[in-house]
N, C-alpha and C. Protein backbone atom coordinates (compact mmCIF):
# COMPACT_ATOMS: atom_id res chain seq x y z
N UNK A 1 36.36 105.75 122.98
CA UNK A 1 35.98 106.90 122.40
C UNK A 1 36.67 107.19 121.17
N UNK A 2 35.74 107.24 120.30
CA UNK A 2 35.97 107.77 118.86
C UNK A 2 36.32 109.06 118.52
N UNK A 3 37.48 109.43 117.86
CA UNK A 3 37.69 111.08 117.36
C UNK A 3 37.32 111.38 116.14
N UNK A 4 36.98 112.21 115.66
CA UNK A 4 37.04 112.23 114.31
C UNK A 4 37.79 113.39 113.94
N UNK A 5 38.78 113.11 112.95
CA UNK A 5 39.84 114.09 112.36
C UNK A 5 39.23 114.87 111.15
N UNK A 6 39.08 116.13 111.58
CA UNK A 6 38.55 117.17 110.47
C UNK A 6 39.72 117.94 109.80
N UNK A 7 40.13 117.86 108.65
CA UNK A 7 40.44 118.71 107.79
C UNK A 7 39.86 119.89 106.94
N UNK A 8 40.09 120.91 107.17
CA UNK A 8 39.48 121.65 106.40
C UNK A 8 40.45 122.78 106.00
N UNK A 9 40.18 123.59 104.81
CA UNK A 9 40.59 124.65 104.20
C UNK A 9 41.37 124.33 102.95
N UNK A 10 42.43 124.92 102.35
CA UNK A 10 43.25 124.68 101.19
C UNK A 10 43.61 122.99 101.32
N UNK A 11 44.15 122.73 102.57
CA UNK A 11 44.66 121.29 102.59
C UNK A 11 43.88 120.20 102.51
N UNK A 12 42.63 120.26 103.24
CA UNK A 12 41.37 119.70 102.79
C UNK A 12 40.95 119.26 101.85
N UNK A 13 40.98 120.39 100.93
CA UNK A 13 40.41 120.60 99.51
C UNK A 13 41.49 119.81 98.62
N UNK A 14 42.66 119.98 98.88
CA UNK A 14 43.90 119.26 98.00
C UNK A 14 43.77 117.70 98.40
N UNK A 15 43.82 117.42 99.54
CA UNK A 15 43.51 116.05 99.75
C UNK A 15 42.31 115.13 99.47
N UNK A 16 41.26 116.06 99.47
CA UNK A 16 39.96 115.25 98.88
C UNK A 16 40.04 114.89 97.37
N UNK A 17 40.58 116.19 96.68
CA UNK A 17 40.91 116.07 95.17
C UNK A 17 41.89 114.91 94.61
N UNK A 18 42.70 114.73 95.49
CA UNK A 18 43.85 113.68 95.42
C UNK A 18 43.21 112.13 95.49
N UNK A 19 42.57 112.11 96.61
CA UNK A 19 41.68 111.04 96.88
C UNK A 19 40.85 110.50 96.04
N UNK A 20 40.37 111.59 95.55
CA UNK A 20 38.86 111.49 94.68
C UNK A 20 39.65 110.69 93.46
N UNK A 21 40.65 111.73 92.80
CA UNK A 21 41.49 111.50 91.65
C UNK A 21 42.00 110.22 91.48
N UNK A 22 42.50 109.76 92.68
CA UNK A 22 43.40 108.48 92.54
C UNK A 22 42.31 107.17 92.66
N UNK A 23 41.14 107.39 93.18
CA UNK A 23 39.92 106.33 93.10
C UNK A 23 39.36 106.24 91.88
N UNK A 24 39.31 107.35 91.30
CA UNK A 24 38.67 107.40 89.71
C UNK A 24 39.78 106.80 88.55
N UNK A 25 40.91 106.82 88.81
CA UNK A 25 41.83 106.23 87.89
C UNK A 25 42.37 104.85 88.49
N UNK A 26 42.02 104.22 89.44
CA UNK A 26 42.27 102.64 89.68
C UNK A 26 41.82 101.94 88.34
N UNK A 27 42.70 101.24 87.97
CA UNK A 27 42.05 100.55 86.67
C UNK A 27 42.43 98.93 87.36
N UNK A 28 41.27 98.14 87.14
CA UNK A 28 41.25 96.61 87.35
C UNK A 28 42.00 96.01 86.37
N UNK A 29 42.69 94.85 86.41
CA UNK A 29 43.77 94.14 85.72
C UNK A 29 42.62 93.40 84.85
N UNK A 30 42.93 93.46 83.55
CA UNK A 30 42.14 92.78 82.59
C UNK A 30 41.80 91.30 82.92
N UNK A 31 40.93 90.53 82.85
CA UNK A 31 40.22 89.48 83.13
C UNK A 31 41.30 88.41 82.03
N UNK A 32 41.79 87.37 82.64
CA UNK A 32 42.67 86.71 81.82
C UNK A 32 41.69 85.80 80.85
N UNK A 33 42.16 85.59 79.52
CA UNK A 33 41.17 84.93 78.47
C UNK A 33 40.44 83.56 78.92
N UNK A 34 39.30 83.36 78.67
CA UNK A 34 38.77 82.22 79.00
C UNK A 34 39.21 80.89 78.49
N UNK A 35 39.43 79.74 78.74
CA UNK A 35 39.69 78.85 78.41
C UNK A 35 38.56 78.22 77.63
N UNK A 36 38.42 77.29 76.68
CA UNK A 36 37.60 76.87 75.84
C UNK A 36 37.65 75.31 75.74
N UNK A 37 36.35 74.65 75.33
CA UNK A 37 36.51 73.15 75.24
C UNK A 37 36.82 72.92 73.82
N UNK A 38 37.87 72.37 73.63
CA UNK A 38 38.52 71.65 72.21
C UNK A 38 37.62 71.03 71.51
N UNK A 39 36.83 70.96 70.67
CA UNK A 39 36.05 69.82 70.20
C UNK A 39 36.92 69.08 68.99
N UNK A 40 37.65 69.80 67.96
CA UNK A 40 38.37 69.10 67.14
C UNK A 40 39.40 69.96 66.39
N UNK A 41 40.55 69.15 66.00
CA UNK A 41 41.39 70.00 65.22
C UNK A 41 41.21 69.92 63.72
N UNK A 42 41.38 70.85 63.01
CA UNK A 42 41.49 70.89 61.39
C UNK A 42 42.82 71.43 60.95
N UNK A 43 43.20 70.63 59.94
CA UNK A 43 44.31 71.39 59.12
C UNK A 43 43.90 71.84 57.60
N UNK A 44 44.52 73.09 57.71
CA UNK A 44 44.00 73.77 55.99
C UNK A 44 45.63 74.05 55.54
N UNK A 45 45.37 74.22 54.21
CA UNK A 45 46.76 74.54 53.43
C UNK A 45 47.52 73.35 53.21
N UNK A 46 48.79 73.39 53.14
CA UNK A 46 49.26 72.21 52.71
C UNK A 46 49.29 70.85 53.67
N UNK A 47 49.06 69.82 53.02
CA UNK A 47 48.99 68.44 53.67
C UNK A 47 50.19 67.89 54.03
N UNK A 48 50.71 68.16 55.17
CA UNK A 48 51.97 67.71 55.78
C UNK A 48 51.84 66.75 56.66
N UNK A 49 50.64 66.95 57.50
CA UNK A 49 50.52 66.12 58.59
C UNK A 49 48.95 65.71 58.20
N UNK A 50 48.94 64.67 59.22
CA UNK A 50 47.41 64.08 59.37
C UNK A 50 46.92 64.70 60.95
N UNK A 51 45.94 64.75 61.02
CA UNK A 51 45.29 65.17 62.22
C UNK A 51 45.58 64.22 63.31
N UNK A 52 45.63 63.24 63.04
CA UNK A 52 45.94 62.18 64.16
C UNK A 52 47.30 61.79 64.71
N UNK A 53 48.35 62.62 63.52
CA UNK A 53 50.02 62.50 63.98
C UNK A 53 49.89 63.94 65.11
N UNK A 54 49.12 64.80 65.24
CA UNK A 54 49.20 65.72 65.89
C UNK A 54 49.38 65.32 67.32
N UNK A 55 48.67 64.21 67.88
CA UNK A 55 48.77 63.75 69.55
C UNK A 55 50.17 63.64 69.93
N UNK A 56 50.72 63.11 69.15
CA UNK A 56 52.36 62.88 69.34
C UNK A 56 52.97 64.04 69.90
N UNK A 57 52.73 65.26 69.38
CA UNK A 57 53.32 66.47 69.91
C UNK A 57 52.36 67.79 70.37
N UNK A 58 51.23 67.38 70.38
CA UNK A 58 50.41 68.68 71.02
C UNK A 58 50.01 68.17 72.22
N UNK A 59 49.67 69.14 73.37
CA UNK A 59 49.23 68.70 74.73
C UNK A 59 48.16 68.50 75.03
N UNK A 60 47.28 68.73 73.84
CA UNK A 60 45.67 68.73 74.05
C UNK A 60 45.10 67.82 72.86
N UNK A 61 43.75 67.52 73.49
CA UNK A 61 43.22 66.67 72.64
C UNK A 61 41.78 67.08 72.57
N UNK A 62 41.02 66.86 71.85
CA UNK A 62 39.57 66.65 71.79
C UNK A 62 38.70 66.35 73.00
N UNK A 63 37.88 67.50 73.55
CA UNK A 63 37.61 67.03 74.91
C UNK A 63 38.31 67.77 76.03
N UNK A 64 39.26 68.16 75.74
CA UNK A 64 40.44 69.15 76.81
C UNK A 64 39.66 70.33 76.80
N UNK A 65 39.83 71.25 78.33
CA UNK A 65 39.42 72.24 78.07
C UNK A 65 41.16 73.24 77.95
N UNK A 66 41.30 73.93 76.98
CA UNK A 66 42.39 74.60 76.34
C UNK A 66 42.26 76.15 76.69
N UNK A 67 43.69 76.56 76.96
CA UNK A 67 43.52 78.01 77.31
C UNK A 67 43.23 78.82 76.12
N UNK A 68 43.03 80.02 75.84
CA UNK A 68 42.40 80.91 75.05
C UNK A 68 43.79 81.14 73.90
N UNK A 69 45.24 80.75 74.38
CA UNK A 69 45.92 81.20 73.30
C UNK A 69 46.72 79.63 73.01
N UNK A 70 45.72 78.62 72.99
CA UNK A 70 46.10 77.24 72.51
C UNK A 70 46.17 77.34 71.02
N UNK A 71 45.36 77.83 70.23
CA UNK A 71 45.74 77.97 68.47
C UNK A 71 47.19 78.57 68.52
N UNK A 72 47.64 79.52 69.27
CA UNK A 72 49.00 80.14 68.85
C UNK A 72 49.68 79.10 69.43
N UNK A 73 49.79 78.52 70.52
CA UNK A 73 50.76 77.47 70.83
C UNK A 73 50.69 76.31 70.35
N UNK A 74 49.68 75.84 69.56
CA UNK A 74 49.43 74.81 68.58
C UNK A 74 50.35 74.73 67.45
N UNK A 75 50.03 76.30 66.75
CA UNK A 75 50.79 76.41 65.62
C UNK A 75 52.55 76.63 65.65
N UNK A 76 52.93 76.81 66.77
CA UNK A 76 54.13 77.07 67.01
C UNK A 76 54.64 75.48 67.38
N UNK A 77 54.28 74.67 67.85
CA UNK A 77 54.35 73.40 67.99
C UNK A 77 54.36 72.56 66.93
N UNK A 78 53.55 72.93 66.07
CA UNK A 78 53.33 72.03 64.57
C UNK A 78 54.72 72.67 63.85
N UNK A 79 54.64 74.04 63.63
CA UNK A 79 56.15 74.59 63.06
C UNK A 79 57.15 73.82 63.17
N UNK A 80 57.57 73.98 64.89
CA UNK A 80 58.59 73.12 64.94
C UNK A 80 58.80 71.64 64.71
N UNK A 81 57.66 71.03 64.70
CA UNK A 81 57.56 69.54 63.97
C UNK A 81 58.11 69.67 62.50
N UNK A 82 57.31 70.40 61.92
CA UNK A 82 57.85 70.50 60.33
C UNK A 82 59.32 71.01 60.14
N UNK A 83 59.82 71.93 60.82
CA UNK A 83 61.11 72.28 60.64
C UNK A 83 62.06 71.13 61.07
N UNK A 84 61.64 70.11 62.07
CA UNK A 84 62.50 69.41 62.40
C UNK A 84 62.58 68.00 61.20
N UNK A 85 61.35 68.44 60.25
CA UNK A 85 61.21 67.27 59.22
C UNK A 85 61.81 68.11 57.79
N UNK A 86 62.28 69.05 58.12
CA UNK A 86 62.99 69.51 57.19
C UNK A 86 62.25 70.71 56.00
N UNK A 87 61.18 71.17 56.80
CA UNK A 87 60.45 72.20 56.16
C UNK A 87 60.62 73.39 56.94
N UNK A 88 61.98 74.02 56.79
CA UNK A 88 62.36 75.11 57.65
C UNK A 88 61.64 76.41 57.31
N UNK A 89 61.07 76.62 55.93
CA UNK A 89 60.59 77.79 55.52
C UNK A 89 58.97 77.61 56.01
N UNK A 90 58.47 76.75 56.78
CA UNK A 90 57.08 76.38 57.08
C UNK A 90 56.61 77.64 57.93
N UNK A 91 55.26 78.00 57.57
CA UNK A 91 54.79 78.95 58.27
C UNK A 91 53.31 78.30 58.85
N UNK A 92 52.86 78.52 60.31
CA UNK A 92 51.87 77.84 60.60
C UNK A 92 51.00 78.86 61.44
N UNK A 93 49.71 79.19 60.99
CA UNK A 93 48.96 79.97 62.05
C UNK A 93 47.86 79.04 62.34
N UNK A 94 47.19 79.61 63.82
CA UNK A 94 46.16 78.85 64.14
C UNK A 94 45.07 80.02 64.74
N UNK A 95 43.58 79.27 64.29
CA UNK A 95 42.45 80.11 64.72
C UNK A 95 41.48 79.06 65.41
N UNK A 96 40.82 79.73 66.39
CA UNK A 96 39.80 78.97 66.75
C UNK A 96 38.21 79.38 66.71
N UNK A 97 37.26 78.57 66.55
CA UNK A 97 35.95 79.02 66.41
C UNK A 97 35.14 78.14 66.88
N UNK A 98 34.27 78.35 67.89
CA UNK A 98 33.40 77.63 68.50
C UNK A 98 34.00 75.97 68.60
N UNK A 99 35.24 75.94 69.17
CA UNK A 99 35.59 74.66 69.81
C UNK A 99 36.47 74.15 68.70
N UNK A 100 36.37 74.40 67.63
CA UNK A 100 37.24 73.90 66.37
C UNK A 100 38.73 74.79 66.23
N UNK A 101 39.62 74.26 66.37
CA UNK A 101 40.88 74.96 66.20
C UNK A 101 41.52 74.34 64.89
N UNK A 102 41.72 75.57 64.02
CA UNK A 102 42.23 75.19 62.49
C UNK A 102 43.56 75.57 62.40
N UNK A 103 44.58 74.79 62.02
CA UNK A 103 45.74 75.14 61.71
C UNK A 103 46.13 75.42 60.46
N UNK A 104 46.57 76.31 59.95
CA UNK A 104 46.70 76.27 58.36
C UNK A 104 48.25 76.71 58.30
N UNK A 105 48.59 75.50 57.43
CA UNK A 105 49.96 75.41 57.05
C UNK A 105 50.65 75.92 55.61
N UNK A 106 51.39 76.51 55.58
CA UNK A 106 52.24 77.05 54.27
C UNK A 106 53.76 76.54 54.48
N UNK A 107 53.96 75.32 53.51
CA UNK A 107 55.11 74.51 53.72
C UNK A 107 56.19 75.14 53.45
N UNK A 108 56.06 75.93 52.43
CA UNK A 108 57.47 76.69 51.74
C UNK A 108 57.82 75.33 51.17
N UNK A 109 59.13 75.74 50.68
CA UNK A 109 60.23 74.74 49.91
C UNK A 109 60.61 73.69 51.02
N UNK A 110 60.72 72.79 50.59
CA UNK A 110 61.61 72.07 51.94
C UNK A 110 63.18 71.88 51.32
N UNK A 111 64.02 71.76 52.55
CA UNK A 111 65.45 72.00 52.46
C UNK A 111 66.00 70.68 51.90
N UNK A 112 66.80 71.01 50.75
CA UNK A 112 67.22 69.86 50.22
C UNK A 112 68.62 69.91 50.28
N UNK A 113 69.61 68.76 50.54
CA UNK A 113 70.68 68.70 50.76
C UNK A 113 71.51 68.86 49.60
N UNK A 114 72.66 69.63 49.57
CA UNK A 114 73.47 70.08 48.53
C UNK A 114 74.84 69.01 48.84
N UNK A 115 75.64 69.39 49.35
CA UNK A 115 76.68 69.02 49.83
C UNK A 115 77.23 68.50 50.94
N UNK A 116 77.62 67.19 51.11
CA UNK A 116 78.09 66.72 52.57
C UNK A 116 79.88 66.85 52.57
N UNK A 117 80.37 67.44 53.48
CA UNK A 117 82.06 67.06 53.55
C UNK A 117 82.07 66.15 54.69
N UNK A 118 83.18 65.54 54.72
CA UNK A 118 83.59 64.71 55.86
C UNK A 118 85.00 65.24 56.01
N UNK A 119 85.28 65.50 57.13
CA UNK A 119 86.63 66.16 57.96
C UNK A 119 87.04 65.28 59.11
N UNK A 120 88.31 64.96 59.34
CA UNK A 120 88.79 64.13 60.39
C UNK A 120 88.59 62.70 60.50
N UNK A 121 88.09 62.27 59.54
CA UNK A 121 87.60 60.76 59.49
C UNK A 121 89.35 60.00 59.34
N UNK A 122 89.71 59.18 60.43
CA UNK A 122 91.11 58.51 60.21
C UNK A 122 90.86 57.20 60.00
N UNK A 123 89.94 56.62 60.74
CA UNK A 123 89.51 55.12 60.26
C UNK A 123 88.77 54.77 59.32
N UNK A 124 87.69 55.64 58.83
CA UNK A 124 86.78 55.06 57.67
C UNK A 124 87.06 55.91 56.69
N UNK A 125 86.95 55.35 55.43
CA UNK A 125 86.98 56.15 54.12
C UNK A 125 85.83 56.98 54.22
N UNK A 126 85.69 58.16 53.42
CA UNK A 126 84.77 59.06 53.01
C UNK A 126 83.76 58.09 52.64
N UNK A 127 83.71 57.34 51.62
CA UNK A 127 83.08 56.44 50.77
C UNK A 127 82.08 55.37 51.96
N UNK A 128 83.02 54.95 53.37
CA UNK A 128 82.23 54.07 53.83
C UNK A 128 81.51 54.92 54.77
N UNK A 129 81.71 56.34 55.18
CA UNK A 129 80.85 56.79 56.08
C UNK A 129 79.56 57.45 55.31
N UNK A 130 79.75 57.74 53.87
CA UNK A 130 78.75 57.88 53.15
C UNK A 130 77.62 56.65 52.79
N UNK A 131 77.96 55.75 52.61
CA UNK A 131 77.49 54.34 52.51
C UNK A 131 76.55 54.00 53.97
N UNK A 132 77.03 54.44 54.99
CA UNK A 132 76.04 54.53 56.01
C UNK A 132 75.06 55.33 56.33
N UNK A 133 74.89 56.43 55.26
CA UNK A 133 74.27 57.31 55.52
C UNK A 133 73.00 57.30 54.40
N UNK A 134 71.45 57.79 54.81
CA UNK A 134 70.65 57.85 54.15
C UNK A 134 70.38 59.37 53.45
N UNK A 135 70.95 60.13 53.98
CA UNK A 135 71.02 61.82 53.76
C UNK A 135 72.19 61.82 52.68
N UNK A 136 71.68 62.68 51.59
CA UNK A 136 72.86 62.70 50.37
C UNK A 136 72.36 63.91 49.75
N UNK A 137 73.27 64.42 48.70
CA UNK A 137 72.69 65.39 47.69
C UNK A 137 71.42 65.12 46.93
N UNK A 138 70.70 66.31 47.00
CA UNK A 138 69.42 65.81 46.68
C UNK A 138 68.32 65.47 47.16
N UNK A 139 68.67 64.98 48.44
CA UNK A 139 67.33 64.48 49.14
C UNK A 139 66.92 65.50 50.36
N UNK A 140 65.75 65.57 50.85
CA UNK A 140 65.27 66.42 51.58
C UNK A 140 65.72 66.00 53.00
N UNK A 141 66.20 67.28 53.56
CA UNK A 141 66.64 66.95 54.79
C UNK A 141 65.65 66.75 55.88
N UNK A 142 66.01 65.93 56.82
CA UNK A 142 65.06 65.60 58.08
C UNK A 142 65.99 65.34 59.24
N UNK A 143 65.71 66.22 60.26
CA UNK A 143 66.58 65.69 61.39
C UNK A 143 66.48 64.62 62.02
N UNK A 144 65.44 63.71 61.77
CA UNK A 144 65.39 62.34 62.22
C UNK A 144 66.23 61.29 61.46
N UNK A 145 66.23 61.54 60.25
CA UNK A 145 67.02 60.83 59.27
C UNK A 145 68.55 61.08 59.51
N UNK A 146 68.75 62.58 59.84
CA UNK A 146 70.29 62.97 59.96
C UNK A 146 70.65 62.52 61.42
N UNK A 147 69.93 62.09 62.18
CA UNK A 147 70.37 61.56 63.83
C UNK A 147 70.21 59.96 63.52
N UNK A 148 69.69 59.29 62.71
CA UNK A 148 69.92 57.81 62.50
C UNK A 148 71.03 57.75 61.82
N UNK A 149 71.34 58.66 60.85
CA UNK A 149 72.98 58.50 59.98
C UNK A 149 73.81 58.44 60.92
N UNK A 150 73.95 59.48 61.88
CA UNK A 150 75.22 59.79 62.93
C UNK A 150 75.12 58.39 63.57
N UNK A 151 73.90 58.02 64.16
CA UNK A 151 74.20 56.71 64.83
C UNK A 151 74.57 55.55 63.97
N UNK A 152 74.57 55.61 62.83
CA UNK A 152 74.94 54.41 62.14
C UNK A 152 76.50 54.51 61.87
N UNK A 153 77.07 55.89 61.65
CA UNK A 153 78.25 56.17 61.42
C UNK A 153 79.22 55.97 62.91
N UNK A 154 78.61 56.14 63.87
CA UNK A 154 79.04 55.71 64.89
C UNK A 154 79.12 54.39 65.34
N UNK A 155 77.95 53.61 65.05
CA UNK A 155 78.05 52.31 65.27
C UNK A 155 79.34 51.66 64.17
N UNK A 156 79.44 51.90 63.25
CA UNK A 156 80.55 51.36 62.26
C UNK A 156 81.67 51.98 63.13
N UNK A 157 82.10 52.95 63.28
CA UNK A 157 83.27 53.23 64.25
C UNK A 157 83.52 52.07 65.39
N UNK A 158 82.48 52.25 65.82
CA UNK A 158 82.57 51.22 67.16
C UNK A 158 82.86 49.88 66.61
N UNK A 159 82.47 49.26 65.72
CA UNK A 159 82.34 47.96 65.23
C UNK A 159 83.98 47.67 64.92
N UNK A 160 84.33 48.87 64.31
CA UNK A 160 85.98 48.65 63.82
C UNK A 160 86.70 49.19 65.04
N UNK A 161 86.60 48.90 66.12
CA UNK A 161 87.50 48.89 67.33
C UNK A 161 87.66 50.53 67.73
N UNK A 162 86.47 51.32 67.38
CA UNK A 162 86.87 52.94 67.80
C UNK A 162 85.09 53.31 68.55
N UNK A 163 85.15 52.92 69.88
CA UNK A 163 83.88 53.11 70.33
C UNK A 163 83.73 54.84 70.67
N UNK A 164 84.76 55.38 71.11
CA UNK A 164 84.86 56.40 71.37
C UNK A 164 84.76 57.67 70.64
N UNK A 165 84.41 57.26 69.22
CA UNK A 165 84.55 58.18 68.24
C UNK A 165 83.35 59.17 68.26
N UNK A 166 83.67 60.47 67.88
CA UNK A 166 82.46 61.49 67.74
C UNK A 166 82.44 61.63 66.54
N UNK A 167 80.99 61.95 66.00
CA UNK A 167 80.44 62.61 64.83
C UNK A 167 79.61 63.63 65.16
N UNK A 168 79.92 64.78 64.66
CA UNK A 168 78.85 65.97 64.87
C UNK A 168 78.95 66.67 63.85
N UNK A 169 77.89 67.38 63.31
CA UNK A 169 77.94 68.21 62.16
C UNK A 169 78.52 69.66 62.52
N UNK A 170 78.95 70.34 61.69
CA UNK A 170 79.30 71.98 61.95
C UNK A 170 79.17 72.52 60.19
N UNK A 171 79.35 73.83 60.51
CA UNK A 171 79.50 74.70 59.41
C UNK A 171 78.22 74.49 58.56
N UNK A 172 76.76 74.39 58.82
CA UNK A 172 75.61 74.11 58.11
C UNK A 172 75.50 75.54 57.33
N UNK A 173 75.26 75.50 56.14
CA UNK A 173 75.01 76.50 55.17
C UNK A 173 74.41 76.68 54.13
N UNK A 174 73.90 77.84 53.68
CA UNK A 174 73.20 77.52 52.46
C UNK A 174 74.24 77.46 51.26
N UNK A 175 73.98 76.58 50.30
CA UNK A 175 75.02 76.54 48.96
C UNK A 175 74.74 77.35 48.08
N UNK A 176 75.48 77.80 47.16
CA UNK A 176 75.07 78.72 45.77
C UNK A 176 73.57 78.39 45.36
N UNK A 177 73.47 76.87 45.36
CA UNK A 177 72.23 76.78 44.60
C UNK A 177 70.95 76.61 45.47
N UNK A 178 71.25 77.18 46.75
CA UNK A 178 70.27 77.40 47.87
C UNK A 178 69.89 76.15 48.81
N UNK A 179 70.59 74.91 48.44
CA UNK A 179 70.77 73.65 49.16
C UNK A 179 71.53 74.14 50.53
N UNK A 180 70.94 72.98 51.30
CA UNK A 180 71.99 73.07 52.45
C UNK A 180 73.34 72.28 52.28
N UNK A 181 74.25 72.81 52.89
CA UNK A 181 75.69 72.12 52.87
C UNK A 181 75.92 71.98 54.32
N UNK A 182 76.83 70.82 54.57
CA UNK A 182 77.20 70.86 56.16
C UNK A 182 78.38 70.10 55.77
N UNK A 183 79.14 69.80 56.88
CA UNK A 183 80.65 69.11 57.10
C UNK A 183 80.31 68.25 58.42
N UNK A 184 81.03 67.17 58.49
CA UNK A 184 80.90 66.25 59.46
C UNK A 184 82.15 65.79 59.82
């Protein structure tokens, strides 16, 4: 047997108002942005990259369904790539229209090496260390070139009987002329 609960009087009125107000204010969560089909990449602004180069560090290719925030995420990845290549002031923005994602690059000035100091070297002279390096004063800084310089210096130590030598940079700073200075 079913029983009905009847609430009347002021309590019933307040309960009805509370339930009605709560029902009217319930908000549905916003729908997530829809994915879209990437048809092609375009680059605008400073030409530091080729569209074909981007496949190496972006997770999407034309023909992929990409999230709505893909232009922003791609701009972030491209900026990280440019910073590693020595364009520390680079700014990249992304925009999408009808499946075409356009990344606009403002390179800024490249980071130029000013001075490199060498400390703690007991087995190789400063001149021998610099002879192993491609980076030097007046050259544009590149993380990849820097890493290969460190590998060559380590190899030189190893060839001279010190395979456990360590080389690491420290004290990265901007010199008076606005160039990069660091100590190895």
